[in-house]
PDB file of N, CA and C in Angstrom:
ATOM      1  N   MET A   1      15.268   3.300  22.807  1.00  0.00           N
ATOM      2  CA  MET A   1      14.435   3.178  21.628  1.00  0.00           C
ATOM      3  C   MET A   1      13.610   4.455  21.472  1.00  0.00           C
ATOM      4  N   LYS A   2      13.533   4.973  20.282  1.00  0.00           N
ATOM      5  CA  LYS A   2      12.763   6.175  19.977  1.00  0.00           C
ATOM      6  C   LYS A   2      11.289   5.826  19.810  1.00  0.00           C
ATOM      7  N   ASN A   3      10.420   6.759  20.188  1.00  0.00           N
ATOM      8  CA  ASN A   3       8.987   6.634  19.948  1.00  0.00           C
ATOM      9  C   ASN A   3       8.625   7.529  18.779  1.00  0.00           C
ATOM     10  N   LEU A   4       7.774   7.021  17.890  1.00  0.00           N
ATOM     11  CA  LEU A   4       7.396   7.785  16.708  1.00  0.00           C
ATOM     12  C   LEU A   4       5.899   7.646  16.484  1.00  0.00           C
ATOM     13  N   PHE A   5       5.234   8.765  16.215  1.00  0.00           N
ATOM     14  CA  PHE A   5       3.811   8.786  15.899  1.00  0.00           C
ATOM     15  C   PHE A   5       3.669   9.263  14.465  1.00  0.00           C
ATOM     16  N   VAL A   6       3.090   8.440  13.591  1.00  0.00           N
ATOM     17  CA  VAL A   6       2.947   8.759  12.172  1.00  0.00           C
ATOM     18  C   VAL A   6       1.467   8.910  11.850  1.00  0.00           C
ATOM     19  N   VAL A   7       1.108  10.017  11.211  1.00  0.00           N
ATOM     20  CA  VAL A   7      -0.243  10.220  10.693  1.00  0.00           C
ATOM     21  C   VAL A   7      -0.101  10.324   9.186  1.00  0.00           C
ATOM     22  N   GLY A   8      -0.800   9.461   8.451  1.00  0.00           N
ATOM     23  CA  GLY A   8      -0.652   9.505   7.003  1.00  0.00           C
ATOM     24  C   GLY A   8      -1.537   8.520   6.291  1.00  0.00           C
ATOM     25  N   SER A   9      -1.211   8.293   5.048  1.00  0.00           N
ATOM     26  CA  SER A   9      -2.052   7.462   4.196  1.00  0.00           C
ATOM     27  C   SER A   9      -1.547   6.028   4.121  1.00  0.00           C
ATOM     28  N   LEU A  10      -2.494   5.130   3.927  1.00  0.00           N
ATOM     29  CA  LEU A  10      -2.208   3.756   3.508  1.00  0.00           C
ATOM     30  C   LEU A  10      -2.731   3.659   2.090  1.00  0.00           C
ATOM     31  N   HIS A  11      -2.007   2.997   1.258  1.00  0.00           N
ATOM     32  CA  HIS A  11      -2.310   3.001  -0.170  1.00  0.00           C
ATOM     33  C   HIS A  11      -1.954   1.632  -0.733  1.00  0.00           C
ATOM     34  N   LEU A  12      -2.774   1.104  -1.605  1.00  0.00           N
ATOM     35  CA  LEU A  12      -2.462  -0.170  -2.240  1.00  0.00           C
ATOM     36  C   LEU A  12      -2.009   0.088  -3.669  1.00  0.00           C
ATOM     37  N   ASP A  13      -0.803  -0.354  -3.987  1.00  0.00           N
ATOM     38  CA  ASP A  13      -0.287  -0.254  -5.350  1.00  0.00           C
ATOM     39  C   ASP A  13      -0.598  -1.558  -6.066  1.00  0.00           C
ATOM     40  N   VAL A  14      -1.327  -1.467  -7.174  1.00  0.00           N
ATOM     41  CA  VAL A  14      -1.637  -2.629  -7.998  1.00  0.00           C
ATOM     42  C   VAL A  14      -0.637  -2.606  -9.151  1.00  0.00           C
ATOM     43  N   VAL A  15       0.303  -3.547  -9.141  1.00  0.00           N
ATOM     44  CA  VAL A  15       1.379  -3.574 -10.131  1.00  0.00           C
ATOM     45  C   VAL A  15       1.066  -4.661 -11.156  1.00  0.00           C
ATOM     46  N   VAL A  16       0.926  -4.252 -12.415  1.00  0.00           N
ATOM     47  CA  VAL A  16       0.578  -5.173 -13.498  1.00  0.00           C
ATOM     48  C   VAL A  16       1.777  -5.315 -14.424  1.00  0.00           C
ATOM     49  N   LYS A  17       2.197  -6.557 -14.653  1.00  0.00           N
ATOM     50  CA  LYS A  17       3.291  -6.822 -15.597  1.00  0.00           C
ATOM     51  C   LYS A  17       2.679  -6.951 -16.986  1.00  0.00           C
ATOM     52  N   SER A  18       3.284  -6.279 -17.953  1.00  0.00           N
ATOM     53  CA  SER A  18       2.744  -6.217 -19.304  1.00  0.00           C
ATOM     54  C   SER A  18       3.883  -6.351 -20.309  1.00  0.00           C
ATOM     55  N   PRO A  19       3.606  -6.889 -21.502  1.00  0.00           N
ATOM     56  CA  PRO A  19       4.678  -6.996 -22.494  1.00  0.00           C
ATOM     57  C   PRO A  19       5.223  -5.629 -22.911  1.00  0.00           C
ATOM     58  N   ARG A  20       4.379  -4.590 -22.796  1.00  0.00           N
ATOM     59  CA  ARG A  20       4.793  -3.224 -23.127  1.00  0.00           C
ATOM     60  C   ARG A  20       3.745  -2.267 -22.567  1.00  0.00           C
ATOM     61  N   ILE A  21       4.067  -1.005 -22.567  1.00  0.00           N
ATOM     62  CA  ILE A  21       3.128   0.017 -22.114  1.00  0.00           C
ATOM     63  C   ILE A  21       2.084   0.222 -23.217  1.00  0.00           C
ATOM     64  N   PRO A  22       0.800   0.175 -22.869  1.00  0.00           N
ATOM     65  CA  PRO A  22      -0.217   0.344 -23.917  1.00  0.00           C
ATOM     66  C   PRO A  22      -0.237   1.766 -24.478  1.00  0.00           C
ATOM     67  N   LYS A  23      -0.653   1.867 -25.730  1.00  0.00           N
ATOM     68  CA  LYS A  23      -0.850   3.172 -26.357  1.00  0.00           C
ATOM     69  C   LYS A  23      -2.198   3.727 -25.893  1.00  0.00           C
ATOM     70  N   LYS A  24      -2.438   4.991 -26.153  1.00  0.00           N
ATOM     71  CA  LYS A  24      -3.695   5.621 -25.764  1.00  0.00           C
ATOM     72  C   LYS A  24      -4.880   4.825 -26.321  1.00  0.00           C
ATOM     73  N   ASP A  25      -5.845   4.538 -25.453  1.00  0.00           N
ATOM     74  CA  ASP A  25      -7.084   3.816 -25.783  1.00  0.00           C
ATOM     75  C   ASP A  25      -6.857   2.364 -26.200  1.00  0.00           C
ATOM     76  N   GLU A  26      -5.677   1.827 -25.974  1.00  0.00           N
ATOM     77  CA  GLU A  26      -5.380   0.440 -26.329  1.00  0.00           C
ATOM     78  C   GLU A  26      -5.541  -0.455 -25.099  1.00  0.00           C
ATOM     79  N   THR A  27      -6.072  -1.637 -25.319  1.00  0.00           N
ATOM     80  CA  THR A  27      -6.178  -2.640 -24.264  1.00  0.00           C
ATOM     81  C   THR A  27      -5.200  -3.760 -24.571  1.00  0.00           C
ATOM     82  N   ILE A  28      -4.366  -4.106 -23.603  1.00  0.00           N
ATOM     83  CA  ILE A  28      -3.476  -5.252 -23.755  1.00  0.00           C
ATOM     84  C   ILE A  28      -3.617  -6.135 -22.520  1.00  0.00           C
ATOM     85  N   ILE A  29      -3.224  -7.375 -22.648  1.00  0.00           N
ATOM     86  CA  ILE A  29      -3.361  -8.352 -21.574  1.00  0.00           C
ATOM     87  C   ILE A  29      -2.099  -8.336 -20.707  1.00  0.00           C
ATOM     88  N   GLY A  30      -2.291  -8.190 -19.413  1.00  0.00           N
ATOM     89  CA  GLY A  30      -1.176  -8.278 -18.479  1.00  0.00           C
ATOM     90  C   GLY A  30      -0.859  -9.730 -18.173  1.00  0.00           C
ATOM     91  N   SER A  31       0.381 -10.008 -17.802  1.00  0.00           N
ATOM     92  CA  SER A  31       0.779 -11.393 -17.525  1.00  0.00           C
ATOM     93  C   SER A  31       0.799 -11.723 -16.042  1.00  0.00           C
ATOM     94  N   ALA A  32       0.784 -10.713 -15.189  1.00  0.00           N
ATOM     95  CA  ALA A  32       0.801 -10.956 -13.742  1.00  0.00           C
ATOM     96  C   ALA A  32       0.337  -9.695 -13.036  1.00  0.00           C
ATOM     97  N   VAL A  33      -0.200  -9.877 -11.847  1.00  0.00           N
ATOM     98  CA  VAL A  33      -0.595  -8.736 -11.022  1.00  0.00           C
ATOM     99  C   VAL A  33      -0.087  -8.969  -9.603  1.00  0.00           C
ATOM    100  N   LYS A  34       0.374  -7.891  -8.972  1.00  0.00           N
ATOM    101  CA  LYS A  34       0.877  -7.981  -7.609  1.00  0.00           C
ATOM    102  C   LYS A  34       0.313  -6.797  -6.826  1.00  0.00           C
ATOM    103  N   TYR A  35      -0.126  -7.058  -5.601  1.00  0.00           N
ATOM    104  CA  TYR A  35      -0.640  -6.009  -4.720  1.00  0.00           C
ATOM    105  C   TYR A  35       0.461  -5.653  -3.724  1.00  0.00           C
ATOM    106  N   VAL A  36       0.842  -4.379  -3.691  1.00  0.00           N
ATOM    107  CA  VAL A  36       1.961  -3.940  -2.871  1.00  0.00           C
ATOM    108  C   VAL A  36       1.483  -2.875  -1.884  1.00  0.00           C
ATOM    109  N   PHE A  37       1.811  -3.093  -0.611  1.00  0.00           N
ATOM    110  CA  PHE A  37       1.494  -2.133   0.441  1.00  0.00           C
ATOM    111  C   PHE A  37       2.214  -0.829   0.166  1.00  0.00           C
ATOM    112  N   GLY A  38       1.518   0.283   0.323  1.00  0.00           N
ATOM    113  CA  GLY A  38       2.146   1.570   0.103  1.00  0.00           C
ATOM    114  C   GLY A  38       1.452   2.680   0.868  1.00  0.00           C
ATOM    115  N   GLY A  39       1.673   3.883   0.421  1.00  0.00           N
ATOM    116  CA  GLY A  39       1.174   5.067   1.106  1.00  0.00           C
ATOM    117  C   GLY A  39       2.321   5.698   1.878  1.00  0.00           C
ATOM    118  N   LYS A  40       2.461   6.993   1.780  1.00  0.00           N
ATOM    119  CA  LYS A  40       3.598   7.662   2.421  1.00  0.00           C
ATOM    120  C   LYS A  40       3.641   7.402   3.920  1.00  0.00           C
ATOM    121  N   GLY A  41       2.506   7.520   4.588  1.00  0.00           N
ATOM    122  CA  GLY A  41       2.479   7.291   6.032  1.00  0.00           C
ATOM    123  C   GLY A  41       2.776   5.854   6.399  1.00  0.00           C
ATOM    124  N   GLY A  42       2.124   4.928   5.708  1.00  0.00           N
ATOM    125  CA  GLY A  42       2.345   3.509   5.989  1.00  0.00           C
ATOM    126  C   GLY A  42       3.777   3.090   5.741  1.00  0.00           C
ATOM    127  N   ASN A  43       4.351   3.549   4.632  1.00  0.00           N
ATOM    128  CA  ASN A  43       5.744   3.210   4.323  1.00  0.00           C
ATOM    129  C   ASN A  43       6.703   3.754   5.377  1.00  0.00           C
ATOM    130  N   GLN A  44       6.458   4.991   5.833  1.00  0.00           N
ATOM    131  CA  GLN A  44       7.337   5.585   6.848  1.00  0.00           C
ATOM    132  C   GLN A  44       7.225   4.844   8.176  1.00  0.00           C
ATOM    133  N   ALA A  45       5.997   4.449   8.537  1.00  0.00           N
ATOM    134  CA  ALA A  45       5.800   3.719   9.794  1.00  0.00           C
ATOM    135  C   ALA A  45       6.517   2.375   9.760  1.00  0.00           C
ATOM    136  N   ILE A  46       6.389   1.650   8.660  1.00  0.00           N
ATOM    137  CA  ILE A  46       7.047   0.343   8.531  1.00  0.00           C
ATOM    138  C   ILE A  46       8.570   0.518   8.551  1.00  0.00           C
ATOM    139  N   ALA A  47       9.079   1.523   7.824  1.00  0.00           N
ATOM    140  CA  ALA A  47      10.531   1.760   7.787  1.00  0.00           C
ATOM    141  C   ALA A  47      11.067   2.114   9.174  1.00  0.00           C
ATOM    142  N   ALA A  48      10.348   2.951   9.903  1.00  0.00           N
ATOM    143  CA  ALA A  48      10.788   3.323  11.254  1.00  0.00           C
ATOM    144  C   ALA A  48      10.800   2.111  12.170  1.00  0.00           C
ATOM    145  N   ASP A  49       9.775   1.281  12.059  1.00  0.00           N
ATOM    146  CA  ASP A  49       9.693   0.056  12.855  1.00  0.00           C
ATOM    147  C   ASP A  49      10.881  -0.864  12.556  1.00  0.00           C
ATOM    148  N   ARG A  50      11.197  -1.030  11.293  1.00  0.00           N
ATOM    149  CA  ARG A  50      12.316  -1.904  10.900  1.00  0.00           C
ATOM    150  C   ARG A  50      13.659  -1.367  11.385  1.00  0.00           C
ATOM    151  N   ASN A  51      13.704  -0.058  11.644  1.00  0.00           N
ATOM    152  CA  ASN A  51      14.940   0.560  12.127  1.00  0.00           C
ATOM    153  C   ASN A  51      14.949   0.771  13.636  1.00  0.00           C
ATOM    154  N   GLY A  52      14.049   0.084  14.334  1.00  0.00           N
ATOM    155  CA  GLY A  52      14.101   0.054  15.788  1.00  0.00           C
ATOM    156  C   GLY A  52      13.230   1.029  16.543  1.00  0.00           C
ATOM    157  N   ALA A  53      12.460   1.869  15.862  1.00  0.00           N
ATOM    158  CA  ALA A  53      11.593   2.818  16.565  1.00  0.00           C
ATOM    159  C   ALA A  53      10.314   2.126  17.026  1.00  0.00           C
ATOM    160  N   SER A  54       9.822   2.521  18.169  1.00  0.00           N
ATOM    161  CA  SER A  54       8.510   2.088  18.644  1.00  0.00           C
ATOM    162  C   SER A  54       7.493   2.990  17.946  1.00  0.00           C
ATOM    163  N   THR A  55       6.729   2.436  17.002  1.00  0.00           N
ATOM    164  CA  THR A  55       5.963   3.252  16.064  1.00  0.00           C
ATOM    165  C   THR A  55       4.462   3.059  16.226  1.00  0.00           C
ATOM    166  N   PHE A  56       3.742   4.180  16.252  1.00  0.00           N
ATOM    167  CA  PHE A  56       2.289   4.224  16.339  1.00  0.00           C
ATOM    168  C   PHE A  56       1.793   4.917  15.080  1.00  0.00           C
ATOM    169  N   PHE A  57       0.779   4.353  14.419  1.00  0.00           N
ATOM    170  CA  PHE A  57       0.283   4.897  13.156  1.00  0.00           C
ATOM    171  C   PHE A  57      -1.195   5.238  13.268  1.00  0.00           C
ATOM    172  N   ALA A  58      -1.572   6.397  12.737  1.00  0.00           N
ATOM    173  CA  ALA A  58      -2.980   6.789  12.631  1.00  0.00           C
ATOM    174  C   ALA A  58      -3.274   7.113  11.175  1.00  0.00           C
ATOM    175  N   GLY A  59      -4.326   6.535  10.648  1.00  0.00           N
ATOM    176  CA  GLY A  59      -4.719   6.762   9.267  1.00  0.00           C
ATOM    177  C   GLY A  59      -6.088   6.174   9.020  1.00  0.00           C
ATOM    178  N   ARG A  60      -6.453   6.046   7.751  1.00  0.00           N
ATOM    179  CA  ARG A  60      -7.783   5.579   7.393  1.00  0.00           C
ATOM    180  C   ARG A  60      -7.731   4.741   6.129  1.00  0.00           C
ATOM    181  N   VAL A  61      -8.564   3.717   6.084  1.00  0.00           N
ATOM    182  CA  VAL A  61      -8.813   2.948   4.869  1.00  0.00           C
ATOM    183  C   VAL A  61     -10.315   2.967   4.614  1.00  0.00           C
ATOM    184  N   GLY A  62     -10.707   2.613   3.411  1.00  0.00           N
ATOM    185  CA  GLY A  62     -12.121   2.536   3.072  1.00  0.00           C
ATOM    186  C   GLY A  62     -12.709   1.205   3.508  1.00  0.00           C
ATOM    187  N   SER A  63     -13.947   1.006   3.145  1.00  0.00           N
ATOM    188  CA  SER A  63     -14.630  -0.250   3.478  1.00  0.00           C
ATOM    189  C   SER A  63     -14.750  -1.087   2.204  1.00  0.00           C
ATOM    190  N   ASP A  64     -13.607  -1.523   1.689  1.00  0.00           N
ATOM    191  CA  ASP A  64     -13.572  -2.264   0.432  1.00  0.00           C
ATOM    192  C   ASP A  64     -12.554  -3.398   0.506  1.00  0.00           C
ATOM    193  N   SER A  65     -12.442  -4.154  -0.576  1.00  0.00           N
ATOM    194  CA  SER A  65     -11.520  -5.296  -0.585  1.00  0.00           C
ATOM    195  C   SER A  65     -10.058  -4.852  -0.510  1.00  0.00           C
ATOM    196  N   PHE A  66      -9.737  -3.653  -0.985  1.00  0.00           N
ATOM    197  CA  PHE A  66      -8.365  -3.163  -0.870  1.00  0.00           C
ATOM    198  C   PHE A  66      -7.994  -2.947   0.592  1.00  0.00           C
ATOM    199  N   ALA A  67      -8.944  -2.505   1.401  1.00  0.00           N
ATOM    200  CA  ALA A  67      -8.692  -2.344   2.839  1.00  0.00           C
ATOM    201  C   ALA A  67      -8.329  -3.682   3.463  1.00  0.00           C
ATOM    202  N   ASP A  68      -9.016  -4.752   3.047  1.00  0.00           N
ATOM    203  CA  ASP A  68      -8.702  -6.089   3.563  1.00  0.00           C
ATOM    204  C   ASP A  68      -7.272  -6.482   3.215  1.00  0.00           C
ATOM    205  N   LEU A  69      -6.853  -6.232   1.974  1.00  0.00           N
ATOM    206  CA  LEU A  69      -5.486  -6.557   1.559  1.00  0.00           C
ATOM    207  C   LEU A  69      -4.464  -5.737   2.345  1.00  0.00           C
ATOM    208  N   LEU A  70      -4.741  -4.461   2.551  1.00  0.00           N
ATOM    209  CA  LEU A  70      -3.814  -3.603   3.298  1.00  0.00           C
ATOM    210  C   LEU A  70      -3.676  -4.060   4.741  1.00  0.00           C
ATOM    211  N   THR A  71      -4.784  -4.320   5.407  1.00  0.00           N
ATOM    212  CA  THR A  71      -4.706  -4.688   6.820  1.00  0.00           C
ATOM    213  C   THR A  71      -4.069  -6.061   7.010  1.00  0.00           C
ATOM    214  N   LYS A  72      -4.246  -6.976   6.066  1.00  0.00           N
ATOM    215  CA  LYS A  72      -3.576  -8.282   6.167  1.00  0.00           C
ATOM    216  C   LYS A  72      -2.063  -8.117   6.085  1.00  0.00           C
ATOM    217  N   GLN A  73      -1.602  -7.162   5.285  1.00  0.00           N
ATOM    218  CA  GLN A  73      -0.160  -6.937   5.164  1.00  0.00           C
ATOM    219  C   GLN A  73       0.421  -6.282   6.415  1.00  0.00           C
ATOM    220  N   LEU A  74      -0.426  -5.710   7.257  1.00  0.00           N
ATOM    221  CA  LEU A  74       0.040  -5.077   8.492  1.00  0.00           C
ATOM    222  C   LEU A  74       0.254  -6.078   9.614  1.00  0.00           C
ATOM    223  N   GLU A  75      -0.356  -7.254   9.498  1.00  0.00           N
ATOM    224  CA  GLU A  75      -0.342  -8.225  10.587  1.00  0.00           C
ATOM    225  C   GLU A  75       1.059  -8.664  10.993  1.00  0.00           C
ATOM    226  N   GLY A  76       2.011  -8.683  10.087  1.00  0.00           N
ATOM    227  CA  GLY A  76       3.363  -9.118  10.416  1.00  0.00           C
ATOM    228  C   GLY A  76       4.236  -8.025  11.011  1.00  0.00           C
ATOM    229  N   SER A  77       3.693  -6.839  11.163  1.00  0.00           N
ATOM    230  CA  SER A  77       4.466  -5.695  11.646  1.00  0.00           C
ATOM    231  C   SER A  77       4.241  -5.491  13.138  1.00  0.00           C
ATOM    232  N   SER A  78       5.226  -4.904  13.803  1.00  0.00           N
ATOM    233  CA  SER A  78       5.037  -4.560  15.217  1.00  0.00           C
ATOM    234  C   SER A  78       4.601  -3.104  15.388  1.00  0.00           C
ATOM    235  N   VAL A  79       4.290  -2.417  14.275  1.00  0.00           N
ATOM    236  CA  VAL A  79       3.743  -1.062  14.353  1.00  0.00           C
ATOM    237  C   VAL A  79       2.371  -1.139  15.020  1.00  0.00           C
ATOM    238  N   ASN A  80       2.079  -0.187  15.891  1.00  0.00           N
ATOM    239  CA  ASN A  80       0.775  -0.125  16.542  1.00  0.00           C
ATOM    240  C   ASN A  80      -0.200   0.574  15.593  1.00  0.00           C
ATOM    241  N   PHE A  81      -1.100  -0.201  15.000  1.00  0.00           N
ATOM    242  CA  PHE A  81      -2.092   0.332  14.069  1.00  0.00           C
ATOM    243  C   PHE A  81      -3.474   0.430  14.713  1.00  0.00           C
ATOM    244  N   SER A  82      -3.536   0.530  16.039  1.00  0.00           N
ATOM    245  CA  SER A  82      -4.831   0.542  16.723  1.00  0.00           C
ATOM    246  C   SER A  82      -5.666   1.783  16.396  1.00  0.00           C
ATOM    247  N   ALA A  83      -5.050   2.854  15.907  1.00  0.00           N
ATOM    248  CA  ALA A  83      -5.799   4.062  15.544  1.00  0.00           C
ATOM    249  C   ALA A  83      -6.187   4.081  14.068  1.00  0.00           C
ATOM    250  N   LEU A  84      -5.979   2.970  13.368  1.00  0.00           N
ATOM    251  CA  LEU A  84      -6.381   2.893  11.964  1.00  0.00           C
ATOM    252  C   LEU A  84      -7.899   2.873  11.892  1.00  0.00           C
ATOM    253  N   GLN A  85      -8.474   3.799  11.159  1.00  0.00           N
ATOM    254  CA  GLN A  85      -9.923   3.892  11.032  1.00  0.00           C
ATOM    255  C   GLN A  85     -10.377   3.300   9.714  1.00  0.00           C
ATOM    256  N   VAL A  86     -11.568   2.710   9.733  1.00  0.00           N
ATOM    257  CA  VAL A  86     -12.216   2.208   8.524  1.00  0.00           C
ATOM    258  C   VAL A  86     -13.447   3.067   8.306  1.00  0.00           C
ATOM    259  N   GLY A  87     -13.537   3.690   7.137  1.00  0.00           N
ATOM    260  CA  GLY A  87     -14.664   4.565   6.848  1.00  0.00           C
ATOM    261  C   GLY A  87     -15.334   4.185   5.551  1.00  0.00           C
ATOM    262  N   PRO A  88     -16.440   4.829   5.245  1.00  0.00           N
ATOM    263  CA  PRO A  88     -17.133   4.529   3.992  1.00  0.00           C
ATOM    264  C   PRO A  88     -16.289   4.957   2.792  1.00  0.00           C
ATOM    265  N   GLY A  89     -16.527   4.318   1.679  1.00  0.00           N
ATOM    266  CA  GLY A  89     -15.826   4.688   0.462  1.00  0.00           C
ATOM    267  C   GLY A  89     -14.643   3.791   0.174  1.00  0.00           C
ATOM    268  N   ALA A  90     -13.816   4.261  -0.739  1.00  0.00           N
ATOM    269  CA  ALA A  90     -12.706   3.462  -1.248  1.00  0.00           C
ATOM    270  C   ALA A  90     -11.403   3.766  -0.521  1.00  0.00           C
ATOM    271  N   SER A  91     -10.563   2.762  -0.437  1.00  0.00           N
ATOM    272  CA  SER A  91      -9.198   2.936   0.061  1.00  0.00           C
ATOM    273  C   SER A  91      -8.351   3.546  -1.049  1.00  0.00           C
ATOM    274  N   GLY A  92      -7.247   4.171  -0.662  1.00  0.00           N
ATOM    275  CA  GLY A  92      -6.335   4.717  -1.653  1.00  0.00           C
ATOM    276  C   GLY A  92      -5.675   3.602  -2.449  1.00  0.00           C
ATOM    277  N   MET A  93      -5.563   3.795  -3.754  1.00  0.00           N
ATOM    278  CA  MET A  93      -4.904   2.799  -4.597  1.00  0.00           C
ATOM    279  C   MET A  93      -4.389   3.457  -5.859  1.00  0.00           C
ATOM    280  N   SER A  94      -3.427   2.779  -6.492  1.00  0.00           N
ATOM    281  CA  SER A  94      -2.921   3.214  -7.787  1.00  0.00           C
ATOM    282  C   SER A  94      -2.570   1.979  -8.598  1.00  0.00           C
ATOM    283  N   VAL A  95      -2.493   2.158  -9.904  1.00  0.00           N
ATOM    284  CA  VAL A  95      -2.116   1.070 -10.803  1.00  0.00           C
ATOM    285  C   VAL A  95      -0.815   1.462 -11.492  1.00  0.00           C
ATOM    286  N   ALA A  96       0.160   0.564 -11.455  1.00  0.00           N
ATOM    287  CA  ALA A  96       1.429   0.769 -12.150  1.00  0.00           C
ATOM    288  C   ALA A  96       1.588  -0.340 -13.179  1.00  0.00           C
ATOM    289  N   ILE A  97       1.888   0.034 -14.398  1.00  0.00           N
ATOM    290  CA  ILE A  97       2.126  -0.947 -15.456  1.00  0.00           C
ATOM    291  C   ILE A  97       3.635  -1.056 -15.638  1.00  0.00           C
ATOM    292  N   VAL A  98       4.142  -2.273 -15.495  1.00  0.00           N
ATOM    293  CA  VAL A  98       5.575  -2.519 -15.594  1.00  0.00           C
ATOM    294  C   VAL A  98       5.825  -3.422 -16.794  1.00  0.00           C
ATOM    295  N   GLU A  99       6.697  -2.982 -17.690  1.00  0.00           N
ATOM    296  CA  GLU A  99       7.040  -3.796 -18.854  1.00  0.00           C
ATOM    297  C   GLU A  99       7.807  -5.040 -18.420  1.00  0.00           C
ATOM    298  N   ALA A 100       7.771  -6.068 -19.243  1.00  0.00           N
ATOM    299  CA  ALA A 100       8.468  -7.317 -18.939  1.00  0.00           C
ATOM    300  C   ALA A 100       9.950  -7.075 -18.653  1.00  0.00           C
ATOM    301  N   SER A 101      10.522  -6.031 -19.251  1.00  0.00           N
ATOM    302  CA  SER A 101      11.933  -5.705 -19.024  1.00  0.00           C
ATOM    303  C   SER A 101      12.171  -5.086 -17.648  1.00  0.00           C
ATOM    304  N   GLY A 102      11.095  -4.739 -16.953  1.00  0.00           N
ATOM    305  CA  GLY A 102      11.225  -4.135 -15.637  1.00  0.00           C
ATOM    306  C   GLY A 102      11.074  -2.632 -15.639  1.00  0.00           C
ATOM    307  N   GLU A 103      10.949  -2.032 -16.798  1.00  0.00           N
ATOM    308  CA  GLU A 103      10.790  -0.565 -16.897  1.00  0.00           C
ATOM    309  C   GLU A 103       9.365  -0.162 -16.622  1.00  0.00           C
TER     310      GLU A 103
END
């Protein structure tokens, strides 16, 4: 088994389903929201773990509700996240608007 040490970001993707992409300065109502674990470092660590590597991850999250969502999603993984730091400020996040058609 290979050993892998990953240093990188954890990021929460907030995916909103919408009937269409809004125009500039337009507000529309989304029909669903999903929180998806992401971040280049986190994704690589999870992928390596799923492919049999013994994986250790070092990174940082903020002290906010997004950090809680991210760390809960890590609980089912065998990646060693013991070097994950929690610091002041916000965790990394992004918002993606997905049309009902999936685009």
